[in-house]
Amino acid sequence: MAPFRPLFRNPHLQTIAAHYWPRPNGNRRFPLQRRFFHTEPDVQVLVESQRPAGVPRGEIVMVHGLEGSGQAGYIRSLSALALERGFTAHRFHMRTCGGTEHLCQTLYHAGLTSDLLAVLRQLSREGRGPMFLTGFSLGGNVVLKLAGELGERAPELVCGVCAASTPLDLAACARRISEPDNRFYERRFVKKMRERLCATGRYSARDFRGLNSVEAIDDRITAPSFGFGDAANYYRTQSAIAFLDRIRVPVLLVQAKDDTFVPFDIFGHAAVGANPRVELLATEAGGHLGFLGRGPDRFWLDRTIMNWIVQRQGL
């Protein structure tokens, strides 16, 4: 793995700059194919796929973060690099995300793996597996939890899992994002969550009165909607850290020690080091899904993920 040489040392600058930085886009050469999967009665999720020229050397399924979509910069640039290297790139959207609010009146949450599993099984029936999973931020929690839930059955569907800037401990990360230095981000998340949930037709602006934090929305809306009761129980039962010991496929965790949302001390948990299949690649800098590097390694995270996937194929 090439060492990370940060373009910026400030974690907030890394986080914000990476969000707006122009990214490679392979859409003209490799057109996006939109497909809707029925994963449950009255639930459809969107998957946008791009296929390389010739026979694909593999399949990569990417899962976005909180209030994200397949148009997130980190997904667009990883897709472009994956296609260049001969892989099919699938952009999985969590339910109600990416403009699909009208296709489902239920919500998504940080541990909802059933939709992704249904898509993987359908792709497998079409001869497209096993696949590599890549999750970003909240999507990292989803892919890791799914791999743990599958346990010994995972290799039937999954070759390996990459997770970047992952909130392994949801409670710790909810507390961190509510701290003063993250107030800008939390306000943005709360606004996007409110708009998306209202767009489903299930909620109105009145339901969000007094809910000014991610944890407050999770406690009042997300947790009860899925039978978790409150945010504390939701975070405890759905955090990927409780599923790491069950994973039976190779895993790469990429994490910046200065992540503005994810406190690095959670990666000191015994579960991270106890499973020999789990590899932690920690950088001193990088922010949250930043990892903007110097020179040719501008999109260092993309190259790191793809190099790891190619190496796994060669083993």
Protein backbone atom coordinates (compact mmCIF):
# COMPACT_ATOMS: atom_id res chain seq x y z
CA MET A 1 0.00 0.00 0.00
CA ALA A 2 1.33 3.43 -0.94
CA PRO A 3 1.72 5.72 2.11
CA PHE A 4 -0.76 8.55 2.41
CA ARG A 5 0.79 11.99 1.89
CA PRO A 6 -2.01 14.42 2.78
CA LEU A 7 -2.67 17.44 0.63
CA PHE A 8 -4.11 19.13 3.72
CA ARG A 9 -3.35 18.44 7.37
CA ASN A 10 -6.52 20.01 8.73
CA PRO A 11 -9.19 17.27 9.08
CA HIS A 12 -12.10 19.63 8.42
CA LEU A 13 -10.42 20.92 5.28
CA GLN A 14 -9.87 17.32 4.14
CA THR A 15 -13.51 16.44 4.83
CA ILE A 16 -15.03 19.46 3.10
CA ALA A 17 -12.56 19.70 0.19
CA ALA A 18 -13.03 16.02 -0.68
CA HIS A 19 -16.79 16.54 -0.85
CA TYR A 20 -16.47 19.28 -3.47
CA TRP A 21 -13.29 18.23 -5.29
CA PRO A 22 -13.82 17.44 -9.02
CA ARG A 23 -13.70 13.69 -9.55
CA PRO A 24 -13.02 11.43 -12.52
CA ASN A 25 -16.28 10.47 -14.17
CA GLY A 26 -16.57 7.47 -16.47
CA ASN A 27 -20.26 7.93 -17.29
CA ARG A 28 -19.71 8.84 -20.94
CA ARG A 29 -17.51 5.87 -21.69
CA PHE A 30 -19.39 3.51 -19.37
CA PRO A 31 -23.08 4.53 -19.27
CA LEU A 32 -24.99 4.14 -16.03
CA GLN A 33 -27.68 1.48 -16.10
CA ARG A 34 -30.42 2.10 -13.55
CA ARG A 35 -32.24 -0.89 -12.11
CA PHE A 36 -34.79 -1.23 -9.33
CA PHE A 37 -34.78 -4.28 -7.10
CA HIS A 38 -37.83 -5.42 -5.11
CA THR A 39 -36.30 -6.41 -1.79
CA GLU A 40 -39.48 -6.67 0.29
CA PRO A 41 -43.18 -6.15 -0.41
CA ASP A 42 -43.65 -2.45 -1.20
CA VAL A 43 -39.88 -1.80 -1.06
CA GLN A 44 -37.70 -1.04 -4.05
CA VAL A 45 -34.06 0.06 -4.00
CA LEU A 46 -32.02 1.55 -6.80
CA VAL A 47 -28.75 0.10 -8.12
CA GLU A 48 -26.80 1.99 -10.77
CA SER A 49 -24.35 -0.26 -12.63
CA GLN A 50 -21.52 0.35 -15.07
CA ARG A 51 -19.77 -2.40 -16.97
CA PRO A 52 -16.29 -2.33 -18.50
CA ALA A 53 -15.45 -3.26 -22.07
CA GLY A 54 -15.00 -7.00 -22.45
CA VAL A 55 -15.46 -9.67 -19.80
CA PRO A 56 -15.38 -8.16 -16.28
CA ARG A 57 -12.57 -9.37 -14.05
CA GLY A 58 -14.78 -8.89 -11.01
CA GLU A 59 -17.75 -7.11 -9.46
CA ILE A 60 -17.71 -4.34 -6.87
CA VAL A 61 -20.79 -3.19 -4.97
CA MET A 62 -20.47 0.24 -3.34
CA VAL A 63 -22.64 1.51 -0.48
CA HIS A 64 -22.88 5.23 0.31
CA GLY A 65 -22.96 6.99 3.65
CA LEU A 66 -25.59 8.81 5.72
CA GLU A 67 -27.94 10.78 3.45
CA GLY A 68 -25.71 10.00 0.47
CA SER A 69 -26.27 8.39 -2.91
CA GLY A 70 -24.46 6.87 -5.85
CA GLN A 71 -23.60 10.40 -6.96
CA ALA A 72 -21.29 10.96 -4.00
CA GLY A 73 -17.82 11.95 -5.13
CA TYR A 74 -16.10 9.02 -3.42
CA ILE A 75 -18.37 6.58 -5.29
CA ARG A 76 -18.01 8.28 -8.66
CA SER A 77 -14.21 8.28 -8.57
CA LEU A 78 -13.94 4.72 -7.25
CA SER A 79 -16.34 3.59 -9.98
CA ALA A 80 -14.19 5.26 -12.65
CA LEU A 81 -11.02 3.56 -11.37
CA ALA A 82 -12.75 0.18 -11.01
CA LEU A 83 -13.97 0.35 -14.60
CA GLU A 84 -10.51 1.28 -15.85
CA ARG A 85 -9.19 -1.85 -14.17
CA GLY A 86 -11.85 -4.05 -15.71
CA PHE A 87 -14.37 -4.37 -12.88
CA THR A 88 -18.12 -3.92 -13.00
CA ALA A 89 -19.18 -1.15 -10.60
CA HIS A 90 -22.56 -1.29 -8.85
CA ARG A 91 -23.77 1.73 -6.87
CA PHE A 92 -26.22 0.44 -4.27
CA HIS A 93 -28.68 2.96 -2.82
CA MET A 94 -30.17 2.44 0.60
CA ARG A 95 -33.95 2.60 0.62
CA THR A 96 -35.45 6.06 0.03
CA CYS A 97 -32.04 7.44 -1.04
CA GLY A 98 -31.00 8.79 -4.42
CA GLY A 99 -34.44 10.18 -5.24
CA THR A 100 -36.32 6.96 -4.43
CA GLU A 101 -38.41 8.24 -1.53
CA HIS A 102 -41.59 7.43 -3.47
CA LEU A 103 -40.61 3.76 -3.81
CA CYS A 104 -40.75 3.01 -0.11
CA GLN A 105 -42.51 4.54 2.88
CA THR A 106 -40.20 2.88 5.40
CA LEU A 107 -36.76 4.14 6.37
CA TYR A 108 -33.21 2.89 6.22
CA HIS A 109 -30.92 2.59 9.22
CA ALA A 110 -27.26 1.96 9.96
CA GLY A 111 -27.70 -1.78 10.37
CA LEU A 112 -30.28 -2.51 7.68
CA THR A 113 -28.63 -5.28 5.67
CA SER A 114 -31.66 -7.07 4.19
CA ASP A 115 -31.91 -4.87 1.09
CA LEU A 116 -28.23 -5.29 0.24
CA LEU A 117 -28.43 -9.02 0.83
CA ALA A 118 -31.45 -9.32 -1.49
CA VAL A 119 -29.56 -7.47 -4.24
CA LEU A 120 -26.43 -9.61 -3.81
CA ARG A 121 -28.49 -12.78 -4.03
CA GLN A 122 -30.21 -11.59 -7.20
CA LEU A 123 -26.90 -10.65 -8.81
CA SER A 124 -25.49 -14.01 -7.79
CA ARG A 125 -28.40 -15.83 -9.44
CA GLU A 126 -27.50 -13.92 -12.59
CA GLY A 127 -23.96 -15.29 -12.43
CA ARG A 128 -22.36 -12.10 -11.13
CA GLY A 129 -20.79 -13.28 -7.90
CA PRO A 130 -18.92 -13.50 -5.67
CA MET A 131 -18.49 -9.76 -5.27
CA PHE A 132 -16.39 -7.27 -3.35
CA LEU A 133 -18.29 -4.92 -1.05
CA THR A 134 -17.11 -1.40 -0.38
CA GLY A 135 -18.86 0.78 2.19
CA PHE A 136 -18.27 4.41 3.00
CA SER A 137 -19.02 5.87 6.43
CA LEU A 138 -22.48 4.54 7.40
CA GLY A 139 -22.29 2.21 4.39
CA GLY A 140 -19.18 0.71 5.94
CA ASN A 141 -21.19 -0.28 9.00
CA VAL A 142 -23.76 -1.93 6.72
CA VAL A 143 -21.28 -4.02 4.70
CA LEU A 144 -19.32 -5.14 7.76
CA LYS A 145 -22.47 -6.09 9.66
CA LEU A 146 -23.75 -8.07 6.68
CA ALA A 147 -20.46 -9.96 6.37
CA GLY A 148 -20.67 -10.81 10.07
CA GLU A 149 -24.28 -11.92 9.81
CA LEU A 150 -23.45 -14.22 6.90
CA GLY A 151 -20.51 -15.77 8.74
CA GLU A 152 -19.39 -19.01 7.08
CA ARG A 153 -21.88 -18.46 4.23
CA ALA A 154 -20.33 -15.14 3.18
CA PRO A 155 -17.88 -16.58 0.59
CA GLU A 156 -20.85 -17.76 -1.48
CA LEU A 157 -21.64 -14.10 -2.21
CA VAL A 158 -18.69 -11.99 -1.10
CA CYS A 159 -14.95 -12.13 -1.90
CA GLY A 160 -13.96 -9.37 0.49
CA VAL A 161 -15.08 -6.19 2.20
CA CYS A 162 -13.57 -2.69 2.29
CA ALA A 163 -14.89 -0.11 4.74
CA ALA A 164 -13.68 3.50 4.89
CA SER A 165 -14.28 6.03 7.69
CA THR A 166 -16.66 3.60 9.37
CA PRO A 167 -18.69 4.35 12.54
CA LEU A 168 -18.09 0.91 14.06
CA ASP A 169 -19.59 2.12 17.34
CA LEU A 170 -22.72 4.10 16.45
CA ALA A 171 -23.24 5.54 19.93
CA ALA A 172 -19.70 6.88 20.16
CA CYS A 173 -20.00 8.44 16.71
CA ALA A 174 -23.40 10.00 17.45
CA ARG A 175 -21.85 11.66 20.49
CA ARG A 176 -18.84 12.83 18.49
CA ILE A 177 -20.87 14.42 15.69
CA SER A 178 -22.84 16.41 18.27
CA GLU A 179 -19.72 18.10 19.62
CA PRO A 180 -19.27 21.82 18.84
CA ASP A 181 -16.61 21.41 16.15
CA ASN A 182 -19.02 19.24 14.14
CA ARG A 183 -22.05 21.49 14.46
CA PHE A 184 -21.92 22.48 10.77
CA TYR A 185 -22.04 18.86 9.64
CA GLU A 186 -24.76 17.81 12.05
CA ARG A 187 -27.05 20.65 10.98
CA ARG A 188 -26.57 19.56 7.38
CA PHE A 189 -27.34 15.91 8.18
CA VAL A 190 -30.42 16.84 10.20
CA LYS A 191 -31.73 19.03 7.36
CA LYS A 192 -31.23 16.28 4.76
CA MET A 193 -32.76 13.61 7.01
CA ARG A 194 -35.82 15.79 7.64
CA GLU A 195 -36.30 16.55 3.94
CA ARG A 196 -35.95 12.92 2.87
CA LEU A 197 -38.27 11.55 5.54
CA CYS A 198 -40.92 14.15 4.76
CA ALA A 199 -40.62 13.24 1.06
CA THR A 200 -41.73 9.68 1.85
CA GLY A 201 -45.14 11.06 2.84
CA ARG A 202 -44.93 9.32 6.18
CA TYR A 203 -43.73 12.35 8.16
CA SER A 204 -44.34 16.09 8.24
CA ALA A 205 -42.33 19.03 9.53
CA ARG A 206 -44.27 18.85 12.82
CA ASP A 207 -42.69 15.46 13.58
CA PHE A 208 -39.26 17.09 13.70
CA ARG A 209 -39.98 19.89 16.15
CA GLY A 210 -37.23 19.94 18.74
CA LEU A 211 -35.18 17.30 16.91
CA ASN A 212 -31.92 19.13 16.31
CA SER A 213 -29.43 16.27 16.35
CA VAL A 214 -28.88 12.98 14.57
CA GLU A 215 -29.28 11.15 17.87
CA ALA A 216 -32.59 12.91 18.60
CA ILE A 217 -33.99 11.84 15.21
CA ASP A 218 -32.74 8.31 15.77
CA ASP A 219 -34.32 8.23 19.23
CA ARG A 220 -37.71 9.65 18.19
CA ILE A 221 -38.07 8.30 14.65
CA THR A 222 -35.50 5.76 13.41
CA ALA A 223 -35.34 3.46 16.43
CA PRO A 224 -39.12 3.17 17.06
CA SER A 225 -39.78 2.65 13.34
CA PHE A 226 -37.76 -0.58 13.41
CA GLY A 227 -38.74 -1.81 16.86
CA PHE A 228 -35.47 -0.86 18.56
CA GLY A 229 -37.24 1.26 21.15
CA ASP A 230 -34.73 4.05 21.61
CA ALA A 231 -31.47 5.27 20.11
CA ALA A 232 -29.36 3.57 22.77
CA ASN A 233 -30.72 0.13 21.91
CA TYR A 234 -30.59 0.86 18.20
CA TYR A 235 -26.92 1.82 18.39
CA ARG A 236 -26.03 -1.12 20.64
CA THR A 237 -27.65 -3.77 18.46
CA GLN A 238 -26.75 -2.38 15.02
CA SER A 239 -23.10 -1.38 15.44
CA ALA A 240 -20.77 -3.43 13.24
CA ILE A 241 -18.24 -3.77 16.04
CA ALA A 242 -20.45 -6.49 17.57
CA PHE A 243 -20.27 -8.53 14.32
CA LEU A 244 -16.55 -8.35 13.47
CA ASP A 245 -15.69 -11.63 15.19
CA ARG A 246 -18.09 -13.54 12.90
CA ILE A 247 -16.60 -12.32 9.61
CA ARG A 248 -15.07 -15.06 7.47
CA VAL A 249 -13.92 -13.08 4.42
CA PRO A 250 -10.97 -10.65 4.11
CA VAL A 251 -11.68 -7.14 5.38
CA LEU A 252 -9.82 -3.86 4.93
CA LEU A 253 -10.65 -1.00 7.29
CA VAL A 254 -9.29 2.38 6.18
CA GLN A 255 -9.42 4.98 8.91
CA ALA A 256 -7.89 8.41 9.55
CA LYS A 257 -6.90 9.01 13.15
CA ASP A 258 -8.14 12.60 12.88
CA ASP A 259 -11.60 11.68 11.51
CA THR A 260 -13.96 14.45 12.53
CA PHE A 261 -16.93 12.10 13.04
CA VAL A 262 -15.40 8.78 14.09
CA PRO A 263 -13.27 8.73 17.28
CA PHE A 264 -10.22 6.62 16.53
CA ASP A 265 -10.16 4.98 19.96
CA ILE A 266 -13.03 2.70 18.91
CA PHE A 267 -10.54 0.94 16.63
CA GLY A 268 -8.62 -0.07 19.73
CA HIS A 269 -11.52 -2.36 20.65
CA ALA A 270 -10.49 -5.99 21.06
CA ALA A 271 -12.90 -7.05 18.30
CA VAL A 272 -10.88 -5.15 15.68
CA GLY A 273 -7.64 -6.97 16.40
CA ALA A 274 -9.05 -10.37 17.36
CA ASN A 275 -10.15 -11.48 13.88
CA PRO A 276 -7.12 -12.23 11.66
CA ARG A 277 -9.22 -11.56 8.56
CA VAL A 278 -9.63 -7.90 9.55
CA GLU A 279 -6.83 -5.55 8.47
CA LEU A 280 -6.73 -1.97 9.77
CA LEU A 281 -4.97 0.65 7.66
CA ALA A 282 -4.78 3.78 9.79
CA THR A 283 -3.45 7.13 8.60
CA GLU A 284 -2.47 10.07 10.79
CA ALA A 285 -4.49 12.50 8.65
CA GLY A 286 -7.39 12.32 6.21
CA GLY A 287 -10.49 13.60 7.97
CA HIS A 288 -13.81 11.89 7.27
CA LEU A 289 -13.78 10.38 3.78
CA GLY A 290 -11.17 12.95 2.82
CA PHE A 291 -7.85 11.26 2.00
CA LEU A 292 -6.89 13.84 -0.62
CA GLY A 293 -3.23 13.12 -1.33
CA ARG A 294 -0.38 14.89 -3.05
CA GLY A 295 0.56 14.49 -6.70
CA PRO A 296 -0.58 11.35 -8.50
CA ASP A 297 -2.18 10.02 -5.31
CA ARG A 298 -4.83 12.75 -5.21
CA PHE A 299 -7.55 10.11 -4.72
CA TRP A 300 -5.44 7.90 -2.50
CA LEU A 301 -8.43 6.07 -1.03
CA ASP A 302 -9.61 4.86 -4.45
CA ARG A 303 -6.18 3.49 -5.36
CA THR A 304 -5.78 1.86 -1.96
CA ILE A 305 -9.13 0.09 -2.20
CA MET A 306 -8.57 -1.07 -5.77
CA ASN A 307 -5.02 -2.26 -5.09
CA TRP A 308 -6.29 -4.28 -2.12
CA ILE A 309 -9.07 -5.84 -4.20
CA VAL A 310 -6.68 -6.79 -7.01
CA GLN A 311 -4.29 -8.33 -4.48
CA ARG A 312 -7.11 -10.39 -2.97
CA GLN A 313 -7.92 -11.74 -6.42
CA GLY A 314 -4.34 -12.84 -6.86
CA LEU A 315 -4.20 -14.85 -3.65
